[in-house]
N, C-alpha and C. Protein backbone atom coordinates (compact mmCIF):
# COMPACT_ATOMS: atom_id res chain seq x y z
N MET A 1 -43.37 62.32 -103.31
CA MET A 1 -43.04 63.82 -102.74
C MET A 1 -43.98 63.98 -101.37
N MET A 2 -43.30 64.45 -100.30
CA MET A 2 -43.83 64.76 -99.25
C MET A 2 -44.46 66.19 -99.11
N LYS A 3 -45.49 66.34 -98.30
CA LYS A 3 -46.07 67.81 -98.08
C LYS A 3 -45.92 68.37 -96.83
N TYR A 4 -45.45 67.48 -95.82
CA TYR A 4 -45.30 67.90 -94.49
C TYR A 4 -43.93 67.52 -93.87
N ILE A 5 -43.38 68.25 -92.90
CA ILE A 5 -42.26 67.96 -92.15
C ILE A 5 -42.44 67.97 -90.64
N ALA A 6 -42.00 66.75 -90.19
CA ALA A 6 -41.76 66.71 -88.70
C ALA A 6 -40.33 66.79 -88.32
N TRP A 7 -40.12 67.60 -87.43
CA TRP A 7 -38.72 67.84 -86.86
C TRP A 7 -38.38 67.25 -85.68
N ASP A 8 -37.11 66.69 -85.16
CA ASP A 8 -36.68 66.75 -83.88
C ASP A 8 -36.21 68.04 -83.67
N PHE A 9 -35.97 68.21 -82.44
CA PHE A 9 -35.46 69.59 -81.91
C PHE A 9 -33.90 69.66 -81.49
N ASP A 10 -33.61 68.89 -80.28
CA ASP A 10 -32.28 68.95 -80.00
C ASP A 10 -31.40 68.08 -80.86
N GLY A 11 -30.25 68.71 -81.26
CA GLY A 11 -29.40 67.96 -82.18
C GLY A 11 -29.69 68.09 -83.60
N THR A 12 -31.03 68.62 -84.07
CA THR A 12 -31.32 68.52 -85.27
C THR A 12 -31.48 70.00 -85.69
N LEU A 13 -32.40 70.75 -84.92
CA LEU A 13 -32.56 72.32 -85.06
C LEU A 13 -31.69 73.16 -84.08
N ALA A 14 -31.55 72.71 -82.93
CA ALA A 14 -30.84 73.38 -81.93
C ALA A 14 -29.64 72.71 -81.35
N ASP A 15 -28.54 73.27 -81.22
CA ASP A 15 -27.27 72.73 -80.69
C ASP A 15 -27.42 72.76 -79.24
N SER A 16 -27.85 71.80 -78.59
CA SER A 16 -28.08 71.66 -77.04
C SER A 16 -26.99 70.97 -76.32
N ARG A 17 -26.21 70.32 -77.01
CA ARG A 17 -25.17 69.44 -76.48
C ARG A 17 -24.32 70.31 -75.28
N PRO A 18 -23.93 71.58 -75.49
CA PRO A 18 -23.27 72.11 -74.39
C PRO A 18 -24.08 72.21 -73.01
N LEU A 19 -25.33 72.53 -73.14
CA LEU A 19 -26.25 72.70 -71.94
C LEU A 19 -26.44 71.22 -71.37
N ILE A 20 -26.76 70.21 -72.31
CA ILE A 20 -27.03 68.81 -71.83
C ILE A 20 -25.71 68.24 -71.01
N ARG A 21 -24.52 68.57 -71.66
CA ARG A 21 -23.32 68.24 -71.14
C ARG A 21 -22.90 68.78 -69.88
N ALA A 22 -23.24 70.05 -69.66
CA ALA A 22 -23.07 70.74 -68.34
C ALA A 22 -23.97 70.26 -67.30
N GLY A 23 -25.22 69.86 -67.71
CA GLY A 23 -26.27 69.12 -66.75
C GLY A 23 -25.55 67.75 -66.39
N MET A 24 -25.11 66.99 -67.20
CA MET A 24 -24.67 65.75 -67.05
C MET A 24 -23.35 65.76 -66.09
N SER A 25 -22.49 66.71 -66.41
CA SER A 25 -21.33 66.94 -65.47
C SER A 25 -21.82 67.25 -63.98
N HIS A 26 -22.63 68.13 -63.89
CA HIS A 26 -23.19 68.49 -62.57
C HIS A 26 -23.71 67.34 -61.83
N ALA A 27 -24.45 66.45 -62.48
CA ALA A 27 -25.18 65.36 -61.87
C ALA A 27 -24.06 64.17 -61.43
N LEU A 28 -23.20 64.10 -62.51
CA LEU A 28 -22.00 63.09 -62.06
C LEU A 28 -21.39 63.45 -60.96
N LYS A 29 -21.05 64.72 -60.89
CA LYS A 29 -20.27 65.23 -59.62
C LYS A 29 -21.01 65.17 -58.51
N ALA A 30 -22.22 65.50 -58.47
CA ALA A 30 -22.97 65.45 -57.29
C ALA A 30 -23.23 63.88 -56.92
N LEU A 31 -23.19 63.03 -57.76
CA LEU A 31 -23.39 61.57 -57.45
C LEU A 31 -22.04 60.89 -57.09
N GLY A 32 -21.00 61.60 -57.46
CA GLY A 32 -19.56 60.95 -57.11
C GLY A 32 -19.15 60.10 -58.21
N LEU A 33 -19.57 60.15 -59.33
CA LEU A 33 -19.39 59.33 -60.64
C LEU A 33 -18.22 59.99 -61.45
N PRO A 34 -17.48 59.17 -62.25
CA PRO A 34 -16.57 59.69 -63.17
C PRO A 34 -17.23 60.21 -64.45
N GLU A 35 -16.56 61.07 -64.92
CA GLU A 35 -17.05 61.82 -66.23
C GLU A 35 -17.22 60.88 -67.47
N THR A 36 -16.44 59.85 -67.34
CA THR A 36 -16.50 58.67 -68.36
C THR A 36 -17.88 58.14 -68.49
N VAL A 37 -18.72 58.24 -67.37
CA VAL A 37 -20.02 57.70 -67.48
C VAL A 37 -20.92 58.48 -68.56
N ALA A 38 -20.53 59.93 -68.74
CA ALA A 38 -21.23 60.75 -69.66
C ALA A 38 -21.23 60.17 -71.15
N ILE A 39 -20.25 59.22 -71.41
CA ILE A 39 -20.15 58.69 -72.84
C ILE A 39 -21.48 57.81 -73.11
N ASP A 40 -21.69 57.04 -72.18
CA ASP A 40 -22.94 56.15 -72.31
C ASP A 40 -24.36 57.05 -72.18
N TRP A 41 -24.29 58.12 -71.23
CA TRP A 41 -25.38 58.77 -71.12
C TRP A 41 -25.76 59.64 -72.43
N LEU A 42 -24.66 60.20 -73.06
CA LEU A 42 -24.82 60.92 -74.11
C LEU A 42 -25.40 60.13 -75.26
N ALA A 43 -25.12 58.87 -75.20
CA ALA A 43 -25.78 57.95 -76.31
C ALA A 43 -27.17 57.81 -76.21
N CYS A 44 -27.64 58.32 -75.00
CA CYS A 44 -29.19 58.18 -74.81
C CYS A 44 -29.92 59.43 -75.05
N VAL A 45 -29.26 60.40 -75.58
CA VAL A 45 -29.91 61.66 -75.81
C VAL A 45 -30.73 61.38 -77.21
N GLY A 46 -31.95 61.82 -77.14
CA GLY A 46 -32.93 61.59 -78.17
C GLY A 46 -34.25 60.89 -77.56
N LEU A 47 -33.84 60.12 -76.32
CA LEU A 47 -34.83 59.62 -75.50
C LEU A 47 -35.30 60.70 -74.48
N PRO A 48 -36.46 60.54 -73.87
CA PRO A 48 -36.81 61.36 -72.60
C PRO A 48 -35.67 61.24 -71.67
N VAL A 49 -35.43 62.28 -70.89
CA VAL A 49 -34.32 62.28 -69.95
C VAL A 49 -34.46 61.02 -68.95
N GLU A 50 -35.67 60.68 -68.42
CA GLU A 50 -35.90 59.51 -67.59
C GLU A 50 -35.54 58.14 -68.29
N GLU A 51 -35.75 58.10 -69.55
CA GLU A 51 -35.37 56.90 -70.18
C GLU A 51 -33.97 56.67 -70.29
N GLY A 52 -33.25 57.82 -70.58
CA GLY A 52 -31.66 57.72 -70.70
C GLY A 52 -31.18 57.52 -69.37
N ILE A 53 -31.71 57.94 -68.39
CA ILE A 53 -31.18 57.63 -66.94
C ILE A 53 -31.36 56.33 -66.52
N ILE A 54 -32.45 55.60 -66.89
CA ILE A 54 -32.74 54.33 -66.61
C ILE A 54 -31.66 53.45 -67.37
N LYS A 55 -31.56 53.61 -68.57
CA LYS A 55 -30.55 52.85 -69.32
C LYS A 55 -29.23 53.02 -68.92
N THR A 56 -28.76 54.21 -68.46
CA THR A 56 -27.37 54.36 -68.02
C THR A 56 -27.09 53.92 -66.82
N PHE A 57 -28.03 54.16 -65.79
CA PHE A 57 -27.62 54.06 -64.47
C PHE A 57 -28.35 52.93 -63.67
N THR A 58 -29.31 52.38 -64.35
CA THR A 58 -29.88 51.08 -63.70
C THR A 58 -28.82 50.06 -63.59
N PRO A 59 -28.11 49.83 -64.67
CA PRO A 59 -26.90 48.73 -64.59
C PRO A 59 -25.90 49.28 -63.53
N LEU A 60 -25.80 50.44 -63.15
CA LEU A 60 -24.73 50.77 -62.06
C LEU A 60 -25.31 50.71 -60.74
N GLY A 61 -26.60 50.22 -60.69
CA GLY A 61 -27.14 50.05 -59.27
C GLY A 61 -27.56 51.34 -58.78
N LEU A 62 -27.77 52.54 -59.41
CA LEU A 62 -28.27 53.68 -58.77
C LEU A 62 -29.71 53.86 -58.87
N LYS A 63 -30.42 54.41 -57.93
CA LYS A 63 -31.78 54.67 -57.94
C LYS A 63 -32.00 55.88 -59.07
N VAL A 64 -33.04 55.64 -59.98
CA VAL A 64 -33.41 56.51 -60.99
C VAL A 64 -33.75 57.82 -60.40
N GLU A 65 -34.56 57.74 -59.36
CA GLU A 65 -34.83 59.17 -58.67
C GLU A 65 -33.89 59.97 -58.21
N ASP A 66 -32.69 59.28 -57.78
CA ASP A 66 -31.56 60.07 -57.12
C ASP A 66 -30.78 60.70 -58.35
N VAL A 67 -30.79 60.07 -59.44
CA VAL A 67 -30.08 60.59 -60.70
C VAL A 67 -30.89 61.62 -61.24
N VAL A 68 -32.14 61.58 -61.30
CA VAL A 68 -33.06 62.78 -61.92
C VAL A 68 -32.91 63.72 -61.07
N LYS A 69 -32.94 63.60 -59.72
CA LYS A 69 -32.81 64.74 -58.76
C LYS A 69 -31.59 65.57 -58.94
N ALA A 70 -30.47 64.80 -59.12
CA ALA A 70 -29.12 65.45 -59.37
C ALA A 70 -29.01 66.25 -60.57
N TYR A 71 -29.70 65.48 -61.78
CA TYR A 71 -29.78 66.29 -63.09
C TYR A 71 -30.58 67.49 -63.02
N ARG A 72 -31.69 67.37 -62.36
CA ARG A 72 -32.57 68.43 -62.29
C ARG A 72 -32.12 69.78 -61.58
N SER A 73 -31.20 69.50 -60.67
CA SER A 73 -30.67 70.38 -59.80
C SER A 73 -29.78 71.38 -60.46
N TYR A 74 -29.24 71.14 -61.59
CA TYR A 74 -28.39 72.07 -62.38
C TYR A 74 -29.28 73.31 -62.77
N PRO A 75 -28.74 74.50 -62.64
CA PRO A 75 -29.51 75.66 -62.89
C PRO A 75 -29.62 76.07 -64.38
N TYR A 76 -30.43 75.26 -65.07
CA TYR A 76 -30.48 75.38 -66.57
C TYR A 76 -30.93 76.82 -66.86
N ALA A 77 -31.84 77.49 -66.20
CA ALA A 77 -32.24 78.69 -66.63
C ALA A 77 -31.30 79.75 -66.53
N GLU A 78 -30.22 79.59 -65.89
CA GLU A 78 -29.27 80.43 -65.77
C GLU A 78 -28.12 80.36 -66.82
N HIS A 79 -28.36 79.36 -67.68
CA HIS A 79 -27.29 78.90 -68.62
C HIS A 79 -27.86 78.71 -69.95
N LEU A 80 -28.96 79.47 -70.40
CA LEU A 80 -29.65 79.31 -71.66
C LEU A 80 -28.77 79.73 -72.81
N ASP A 81 -27.82 80.51 -72.47
CA ASP A 81 -26.76 80.89 -73.63
C ASP A 81 -26.06 79.79 -74.13
N LEU A 82 -26.01 78.42 -73.62
CA LEU A 82 -25.35 77.33 -73.97
C LEU A 82 -26.09 76.64 -74.96
N ILE A 83 -27.32 76.97 -75.27
CA ILE A 83 -28.21 76.24 -76.48
C ILE A 83 -28.57 77.39 -77.38
N HIS A 84 -28.27 77.04 -78.59
CA HIS A 84 -28.48 77.90 -79.70
C HIS A 84 -28.95 77.26 -81.00
N PRO A 85 -29.50 77.80 -81.89
CA PRO A 85 -29.91 77.30 -83.19
C PRO A 85 -28.66 76.96 -83.99
N PHE A 86 -28.70 75.71 -84.65
CA PHE A 86 -27.50 75.49 -85.64
C PHE A 86 -27.49 76.59 -86.69
N GLU A 87 -26.45 76.87 -87.20
CA GLU A 87 -26.18 77.84 -88.10
C GLU A 87 -27.08 77.48 -89.41
N GLY A 88 -27.99 78.54 -89.83
CA GLY A 88 -28.68 78.11 -91.01
C GLY A 88 -30.04 77.55 -90.72
N ALA A 89 -30.25 77.18 -89.49
CA ALA A 89 -31.62 76.50 -89.25
C ALA A 89 -32.80 77.67 -89.17
N HIS A 90 -32.53 78.79 -88.62
CA HIS A 90 -33.50 79.82 -88.65
C HIS A 90 -33.98 80.09 -90.31
N SER A 91 -32.95 80.41 -91.10
CA SER A 91 -33.23 80.92 -92.55
C SER A 91 -33.99 79.60 -93.17
N LEU A 92 -33.61 78.40 -92.88
CA LEU A 92 -34.21 77.23 -93.52
C LEU A 92 -35.84 77.17 -93.03
N LEU A 93 -36.08 77.36 -91.86
CA LEU A 93 -37.32 77.39 -91.23
C LEU A 93 -38.13 78.43 -91.94
N VAL A 94 -37.62 79.63 -92.01
CA VAL A 94 -38.33 80.76 -92.66
C VAL A 94 -38.56 80.45 -94.18
N GLU A 95 -37.67 79.82 -94.89
CA GLU A 95 -37.94 79.51 -96.24
C GLU A 95 -39.04 78.52 -96.38
N LEU A 96 -39.00 77.35 -95.54
CA LEU A 96 -40.21 76.46 -95.66
C LEU A 96 -41.39 77.04 -95.21
N GLN A 97 -41.43 77.94 -94.25
CA GLN A 97 -42.80 78.56 -93.84
C GLN A 97 -43.34 79.35 -95.12
N ALA A 98 -42.39 80.15 -95.82
CA ALA A 98 -42.70 81.06 -96.82
C ALA A 98 -43.18 80.14 -98.01
N ARG A 99 -42.65 78.94 -98.25
CA ARG A 99 -43.19 78.11 -99.24
C ARG A 99 -44.54 77.34 -98.81
N GLY A 100 -44.94 77.68 -97.66
CA GLY A 100 -46.35 77.06 -97.10
C GLY A 100 -46.19 75.50 -96.89
N ILE A 101 -45.04 75.11 -96.39
CA ILE A 101 -44.87 73.70 -96.01
C ILE A 101 -45.41 73.67 -94.53
N PRO A 102 -46.31 72.91 -94.27
CA PRO A 102 -46.80 72.70 -92.75
C PRO A 102 -45.67 71.89 -91.98
N MET A 103 -45.33 72.29 -90.88
CA MET A 103 -44.32 71.87 -89.95
C MET A 103 -44.70 71.45 -88.39
N SER A 104 -44.13 70.61 -87.91
CA SER A 104 -44.26 70.04 -86.61
C SER A 104 -43.17 69.71 -86.00
N LEU A 105 -43.18 69.38 -84.68
CA LEU A 105 -42.00 68.96 -83.78
C LEU A 105 -42.42 67.72 -83.15
N ALA A 106 -41.57 66.66 -83.15
CA ALA A 106 -41.69 65.51 -82.45
C ALA A 106 -40.37 65.33 -81.72
N THR A 107 -40.51 65.67 -80.33
CA THR A 107 -39.31 65.90 -79.63
C THR A 107 -39.25 65.21 -78.30
N SER A 108 -38.06 64.88 -77.67
CA SER A 108 -38.01 64.33 -76.39
C SER A 108 -37.74 65.27 -75.44
N LYS A 109 -37.81 66.65 -75.68
CA LYS A 109 -37.67 67.77 -74.80
C LYS A 109 -39.18 67.88 -74.19
N ARG A 110 -39.12 68.08 -72.93
CA ARG A 110 -40.27 68.52 -72.25
C ARG A 110 -40.92 69.67 -72.64
N ARG A 111 -42.26 69.78 -72.44
CA ARG A 111 -43.02 70.99 -73.05
C ARG A 111 -42.55 72.32 -72.46
N ILE A 112 -42.22 72.61 -71.27
CA ILE A 112 -41.86 73.77 -70.59
C ILE A 112 -40.51 74.27 -71.20
N PRO A 113 -39.56 73.44 -71.14
CA PRO A 113 -38.35 74.00 -71.76
C PRO A 113 -38.45 74.16 -73.33
N LEU A 114 -39.19 73.27 -73.96
CA LEU A 114 -39.30 73.48 -75.44
C LEU A 114 -39.86 74.95 -75.82
N GLU A 115 -41.02 75.22 -74.99
CA GLU A 115 -41.76 76.42 -75.28
C GLU A 115 -40.75 77.65 -74.98
N ARG A 116 -40.01 77.43 -73.91
CA ARG A 116 -39.06 78.49 -73.59
C ARG A 116 -38.10 78.76 -74.74
N GLU A 117 -37.59 77.64 -75.20
CA GLU A 117 -36.56 77.76 -76.37
C GLU A 117 -37.28 78.39 -77.70
N LEU A 118 -38.48 77.91 -78.01
CA LEU A 118 -39.14 78.36 -79.11
C LEU A 118 -39.35 79.92 -79.06
N LYS A 119 -39.81 80.36 -77.84
CA LYS A 119 -39.99 81.67 -77.73
C LYS A 119 -38.58 82.69 -77.86
N ARG A 120 -37.43 82.06 -77.16
CA ARG A 120 -36.19 82.73 -77.30
C ARG A 120 -35.73 82.85 -78.65
N PHE A 121 -35.92 81.76 -79.41
CA PHE A 121 -35.31 81.76 -80.81
C PHE A 121 -36.34 82.59 -81.79
N GLY A 122 -37.69 82.82 -81.42
CA GLY A 122 -38.60 83.44 -82.26
C GLY A 122 -39.16 82.49 -83.21
N TRP A 123 -39.38 81.21 -82.73
CA TRP A 123 -39.72 80.12 -83.64
C TRP A 123 -41.13 79.61 -83.32
N GLU A 124 -42.02 80.44 -82.63
CA GLU A 124 -43.32 79.85 -82.24
C GLU A 124 -44.22 79.62 -83.37
N SER A 125 -44.05 80.55 -84.28
CA SER A 125 -44.98 80.47 -85.55
C SER A 125 -44.69 79.37 -86.53
N PHE A 126 -43.46 78.86 -86.44
CA PHE A 126 -43.12 77.91 -87.55
C PHE A 126 -43.82 76.38 -87.59
N PHE A 127 -44.19 76.10 -86.26
CA PHE A 127 -44.67 74.73 -86.20
C PHE A 127 -46.37 74.83 -85.86
N ASP A 128 -47.07 73.99 -86.51
CA ASP A 128 -48.46 73.80 -86.36
C ASP A 128 -48.81 73.06 -85.20
N ILE A 129 -47.95 72.10 -84.79
CA ILE A 129 -48.13 71.18 -83.52
C ILE A 129 -46.75 70.73 -83.18
N TYR A 130 -46.58 70.70 -81.86
CA TYR A 130 -45.36 70.00 -81.39
C TYR A 130 -45.84 68.89 -80.37
N VAL A 131 -45.13 67.71 -80.39
CA VAL A 131 -45.47 66.67 -79.49
C VAL A 131 -44.30 66.48 -78.54
N THR A 132 -44.53 66.39 -77.20
CA THR A 132 -43.44 66.04 -76.25
C THR A 132 -43.82 65.03 -75.45
N PRO A 133 -42.82 64.50 -74.73
CA PRO A 133 -43.13 63.30 -73.86
C PRO A 133 -44.36 63.53 -72.93
N ASP A 134 -44.59 64.87 -72.75
CA ASP A 134 -45.67 65.14 -71.84
C ASP A 134 -46.98 64.90 -72.69
N ASP A 135 -47.08 64.58 -73.79
CA ASP A 135 -48.28 64.54 -74.54
C ASP A 135 -48.58 63.22 -75.02
N VAL A 136 -47.67 62.34 -74.71
CA VAL A 136 -47.99 60.84 -75.06
C VAL A 136 -47.77 59.85 -73.92
N GLN A 137 -48.33 58.67 -74.21
CA GLN A 137 -48.17 57.58 -73.31
C GLN A 137 -46.75 56.89 -73.55
N ALA A 138 -46.30 56.85 -74.88
CA ALA A 138 -44.94 56.13 -75.17
C ALA A 138 -44.44 56.95 -75.99
N PRO A 139 -43.28 57.64 -75.46
CA PRO A 139 -42.42 58.61 -76.27
C PRO A 139 -41.42 57.80 -77.35
N LYS A 140 -40.50 58.49 -78.01
CA LYS A 140 -39.61 57.89 -78.93
C LYS A 140 -38.85 56.67 -78.21
N PRO A 141 -38.73 55.64 -79.00
CA PRO A 141 -38.97 55.42 -80.44
C PRO A 141 -40.20 55.02 -80.86
N ASN A 142 -41.28 54.94 -79.79
CA ASN A 142 -42.63 54.51 -79.97
C ASN A 142 -43.22 55.58 -81.17
N PRO A 143 -44.00 54.80 -82.06
CA PRO A 143 -44.62 55.79 -82.98
C PRO A 143 -45.68 56.79 -82.70
N GLU A 144 -46.15 56.83 -81.47
CA GLU A 144 -47.28 57.66 -81.04
C GLU A 144 -47.04 59.14 -81.42
N SER A 145 -46.00 59.59 -81.19
CA SER A 145 -45.74 61.06 -81.40
C SER A 145 -46.07 61.36 -82.87
N LEU A 146 -45.53 60.63 -83.85
CA LEU A 146 -45.86 60.78 -85.37
C LEU A 146 -47.19 60.36 -85.70
N ASN A 147 -47.87 59.48 -84.94
CA ASN A 147 -49.19 59.07 -85.08
C ASN A 147 -50.04 60.33 -84.80
N LEU A 148 -49.76 61.14 -83.66
CA LEU A 148 -50.60 62.24 -83.38
C LEU A 148 -50.43 63.32 -84.42
N ILE A 149 -49.15 63.47 -84.90
CA ILE A 149 -49.03 64.51 -85.89
C ILE A 149 -49.74 64.27 -87.26
N THR A 150 -49.68 63.04 -87.66
CA THR A 150 -50.36 62.60 -88.99
C THR A 150 -51.87 62.85 -88.83
N ARG A 151 -52.51 62.55 -87.57
CA ARG A 151 -53.78 62.64 -87.52
C ARG A 151 -54.05 64.17 -87.46
N HIS A 152 -53.17 65.08 -86.75
CA HIS A 152 -53.48 66.48 -86.77
C HIS A 152 -53.50 67.05 -88.16
N PHE A 153 -52.65 66.63 -89.04
CA PHE A 153 -52.62 67.16 -90.36
C PHE A 153 -53.65 66.45 -91.27
N GLY A 154 -54.18 65.23 -90.89
CA GLY A 154 -55.01 64.56 -91.77
C GLY A 154 -54.41 64.11 -92.78
N CYS A 155 -53.14 63.66 -92.72
CA CYS A 155 -52.29 63.08 -94.00
C CYS A 155 -51.85 61.69 -93.63
N ALA A 156 -51.66 61.09 -94.73
CA ALA A 156 -51.08 59.65 -94.74
C ALA A 156 -49.55 59.82 -94.14
N PRO A 157 -49.05 58.67 -93.56
CA PRO A 157 -47.68 58.54 -93.08
C PRO A 157 -46.74 58.82 -94.35
N ALA A 158 -46.99 58.44 -95.53
CA ALA A 158 -46.06 58.65 -96.66
C ALA A 158 -46.04 60.16 -97.04
N ASP A 159 -46.98 61.03 -96.59
CA ASP A 159 -47.01 62.42 -96.98
C ASP A 159 -46.13 63.33 -96.09
N ILE A 160 -45.64 62.79 -95.14
CA ILE A 160 -44.77 63.55 -94.09
C ILE A 160 -43.39 62.92 -93.97
N VAL A 161 -42.33 63.63 -93.85
CA VAL A 161 -41.02 63.32 -93.61
C VAL A 161 -40.51 63.65 -92.23
N MET A 162 -39.83 62.74 -91.67
CA MET A 162 -39.23 63.10 -90.16
C MET A 162 -37.75 63.41 -90.41
N VAL A 163 -37.40 64.42 -89.78
CA VAL A 163 -35.95 64.87 -89.89
C VAL A 163 -35.39 64.69 -88.50
N GLY A 164 -34.35 64.04 -88.27
CA GLY A 164 -33.87 63.79 -86.86
C GLY A 164 -32.33 63.47 -86.90
N ASP A 165 -31.72 63.56 -85.89
CA ASP A 165 -30.24 63.25 -85.55
C ASP A 165 -29.97 61.98 -84.91
N THR A 166 -31.06 61.13 -84.40
CA THR A 166 -30.66 59.94 -83.65
C THR A 166 -31.43 58.77 -84.31
N THR A 167 -31.06 57.52 -83.78
CA THR A 167 -31.65 56.39 -84.37
C THR A 167 -32.96 56.42 -83.72
N TYR A 168 -33.23 56.99 -82.64
CA TYR A 168 -34.63 56.96 -81.99
C TYR A 168 -35.52 57.69 -82.95
N ASP A 169 -35.16 58.84 -83.54
CA ASP A 169 -36.00 59.46 -84.48
C ASP A 169 -36.41 58.63 -85.68
N LEU A 170 -35.34 57.86 -86.22
CA LEU A 170 -35.47 57.08 -87.34
C LEU A 170 -36.35 55.81 -87.13
N LEU A 171 -36.02 55.19 -85.85
CA LEU A 171 -36.95 54.16 -85.49
C LEU A 171 -38.37 54.47 -85.33
N MET A 172 -38.63 55.49 -84.66
CA MET A 172 -40.00 56.16 -84.48
C MET A 172 -40.65 56.21 -85.80
N ALA A 173 -39.98 56.77 -86.96
CA ALA A 173 -40.48 56.96 -88.26
C ALA A 173 -40.83 55.69 -88.90
N GLN A 174 -39.95 54.74 -88.80
CA GLN A 174 -40.10 53.42 -89.45
C GLN A 174 -41.34 52.75 -88.84
N GLN A 175 -41.48 52.91 -87.46
CA GLN A 175 -42.82 52.06 -87.16
C GLN A 175 -44.10 52.98 -87.32
N ALA A 176 -43.99 54.24 -87.63
CA ALA A 176 -45.09 54.95 -88.05
C ALA A 176 -45.40 54.97 -89.54
N GLY A 177 -44.36 54.35 -90.29
CA GLY A 177 -44.57 54.14 -91.75
C GLY A 177 -44.11 55.51 -92.35
N VAL A 178 -43.47 56.34 -91.68
CA VAL A 178 -43.01 57.53 -92.09
C VAL A 178 -41.63 57.70 -92.79
N PRO A 179 -41.36 58.29 -93.86
CA PRO A 179 -39.98 58.34 -94.42
C PRO A 179 -39.09 59.25 -93.57
N SER A 180 -37.74 59.17 -93.59
CA SER A 180 -37.03 60.00 -92.64
C SER A 180 -35.69 60.34 -93.59
N ILE A 181 -35.26 61.66 -92.78
CA ILE A 181 -33.93 62.02 -93.34
C ILE A 181 -33.08 62.28 -92.00
N ALA A 182 -31.78 61.85 -92.04
CA ALA A 182 -31.01 62.04 -90.98
C ALA A 182 -29.94 62.93 -91.08
N VAL A 183 -29.58 63.65 -90.00
CA VAL A 183 -28.44 64.64 -89.92
C VAL A 183 -27.23 64.22 -89.11
N THR A 184 -26.16 64.51 -89.61
CA THR A 184 -24.95 63.78 -88.80
C THR A 184 -24.32 64.75 -87.92
N TYR A 185 -24.73 65.92 -87.70
CA TYR A 185 -24.11 67.09 -86.90
C TYR A 185 -24.76 66.99 -85.36
N GLY A 186 -25.67 66.08 -85.12
CA GLY A 186 -26.24 65.96 -83.86
C GLY A 186 -25.49 64.88 -82.79
N PHE A 187 -26.30 63.96 -82.49
CA PHE A 187 -25.79 63.19 -81.36
C PHE A 187 -25.30 61.71 -81.81
N HIS A 188 -25.96 61.35 -83.01
CA HIS A 188 -25.44 59.87 -83.45
C HIS A 188 -24.73 59.87 -84.68
N THR A 189 -23.96 58.98 -84.91
CA THR A 189 -22.96 58.88 -86.18
C THR A 189 -23.69 58.42 -87.32
N ARG A 190 -22.88 58.84 -88.45
CA ARG A 190 -23.41 58.42 -89.77
C ARG A 190 -23.59 56.82 -89.81
N GLU A 191 -22.67 56.17 -89.23
CA GLU A 191 -22.73 54.64 -89.27
C GLU A 191 -24.07 54.20 -88.58
N GLN A 192 -24.44 54.72 -87.23
CA GLN A 192 -25.47 54.44 -86.55
C GLN A 192 -26.75 54.73 -87.44
N LEU A 193 -26.95 55.89 -87.89
CA LEU A 193 -27.88 56.32 -88.68
C LEU A 193 -28.22 55.71 -89.87
N ASN A 194 -27.05 55.36 -90.56
CA ASN A 194 -27.22 54.51 -91.92
C ASN A 194 -27.91 53.21 -91.83
N HIS A 195 -27.74 52.65 -90.50
CA HIS A 195 -28.22 51.34 -90.17
C HIS A 195 -29.59 51.18 -90.22
N GLU A 196 -30.34 52.42 -90.15
CA GLU A 196 -31.79 52.51 -89.94
C GLU A 196 -32.39 52.82 -91.36
N ARG A 197 -31.58 52.95 -92.42
CA ARG A 197 -31.98 53.27 -93.90
C ARG A 197 -33.01 54.44 -93.90
N PRO A 198 -32.40 55.58 -93.60
CA PRO A 198 -33.18 56.84 -94.03
C PRO A 198 -33.19 57.17 -95.51
N LEU A 199 -34.04 57.94 -95.98
CA LEU A 199 -34.07 58.39 -97.38
C LEU A 199 -32.75 59.02 -97.76
N ALA A 200 -32.04 59.83 -96.88
CA ALA A 200 -30.93 60.58 -97.01
C ALA A 200 -30.27 60.94 -95.76
N ILE A 201 -28.87 60.97 -95.71
CA ILE A 201 -28.14 61.40 -94.49
C ILE A 201 -27.38 62.63 -95.02
N VAL A 202 -27.50 63.72 -94.18
CA VAL A 202 -26.77 64.88 -94.57
C VAL A 202 -25.90 65.40 -93.50
N ASN A 203 -24.95 66.22 -93.90
CA ASN A 203 -23.71 66.70 -92.88
C ASN A 203 -24.01 68.04 -92.38
N SER A 204 -24.91 68.83 -93.05
CA SER A 204 -25.09 70.27 -92.74
C SER A 204 -26.50 70.70 -92.98
N ILE A 205 -26.84 71.86 -92.50
CA ILE A 205 -28.03 72.46 -92.84
C ILE A 205 -28.26 72.73 -94.07
N GLU A 206 -27.25 73.27 -94.85
CA GLU A 206 -27.23 73.60 -96.33
C GLU A 206 -27.45 72.34 -97.00
N ASP A 207 -26.87 71.27 -96.82
CA ASP A 207 -27.17 69.99 -97.52
C ASP A 207 -28.55 69.48 -97.21
N LEU A 208 -29.03 69.71 -95.94
CA LEU A 208 -30.53 69.52 -95.59
C LEU A 208 -31.48 70.31 -96.41
N ARG A 209 -31.04 71.49 -96.71
CA ARG A 209 -31.88 72.38 -97.42
C ARG A 209 -32.15 71.75 -98.89
N ASP A 210 -31.03 71.46 -99.44
CA ASP A 210 -31.04 70.88 -100.90
C ASP A 210 -31.88 69.45 -100.83
N VAL A 211 -31.71 68.73 -99.98
CA VAL A 211 -32.43 67.47 -99.89
C VAL A 211 -33.99 67.62 -99.68
N LEU A 212 -34.40 68.60 -98.80
CA LEU A 212 -35.77 68.93 -98.65
C LEU A 212 -36.47 69.59 -99.82
N ARG A 213 -35.65 70.36 -100.49
CA ARG A 213 -36.28 70.96 -101.74
C ARG A 213 -36.51 69.79 -102.75
N ALA A 214 -35.69 68.71 -102.66
CA ALA A 214 -36.13 67.69 -103.71
C ALA A 214 -37.30 66.87 -103.21
N TYR A 215 -37.44 66.60 -101.97
CA TYR A 215 -38.45 65.74 -101.40
C TYR A 215 -39.69 66.33 -101.00
N VAL A 216 -39.66 67.64 -100.72
CA VAL A 216 -40.77 68.45 -100.27
C VAL A 216 -40.92 69.60 -101.11
N PRO A 217 -41.53 69.46 -102.21
CA PRO A 217 -41.62 70.52 -103.26
C PRO A 217 -42.45 71.78 -102.84
């Protein structure tokens, strides 16, 4: 049985696909590239933005800094309504907090936008620690983020479970010796997730609630 939970954010607790997709469309238009490139780019969601850009655009011969500039030029602050919690996520977090389960975030979202979203959702009190790419030398799928979290809690890797929607989350957990639970409603498919052998794969927040009750008493 696990005593702690580490969450991914985008695609696991928050539906950020509309905002991410809008930023990608804006960048591709600015760069004069077809929308079809977004398919490969979306597959990199779960990595820090810069890493996804390197994987997607370096083979196309583009300069990473040019793509980053185009992507960052989208007015994200004016379109925050495009990101919202998945249905049932808030009530699940409330339940887990009421049960005294210590929780954390291991995310590829940068600290400033993460803190903005946590404040907007009223989620600041749910997490004892959150680790972003701004806090580590090597982000996902490197295990450094989870290593920091286990040290913070003073727990063994087997005492914490990682919940995420991408293979990057699951690979990070594997390398940290942490068990994982995968959700299919985010960015990666069941087939992709199953390849990394998580403890369980769920299709909804309600299914996740049941699985967490079994693994985190």
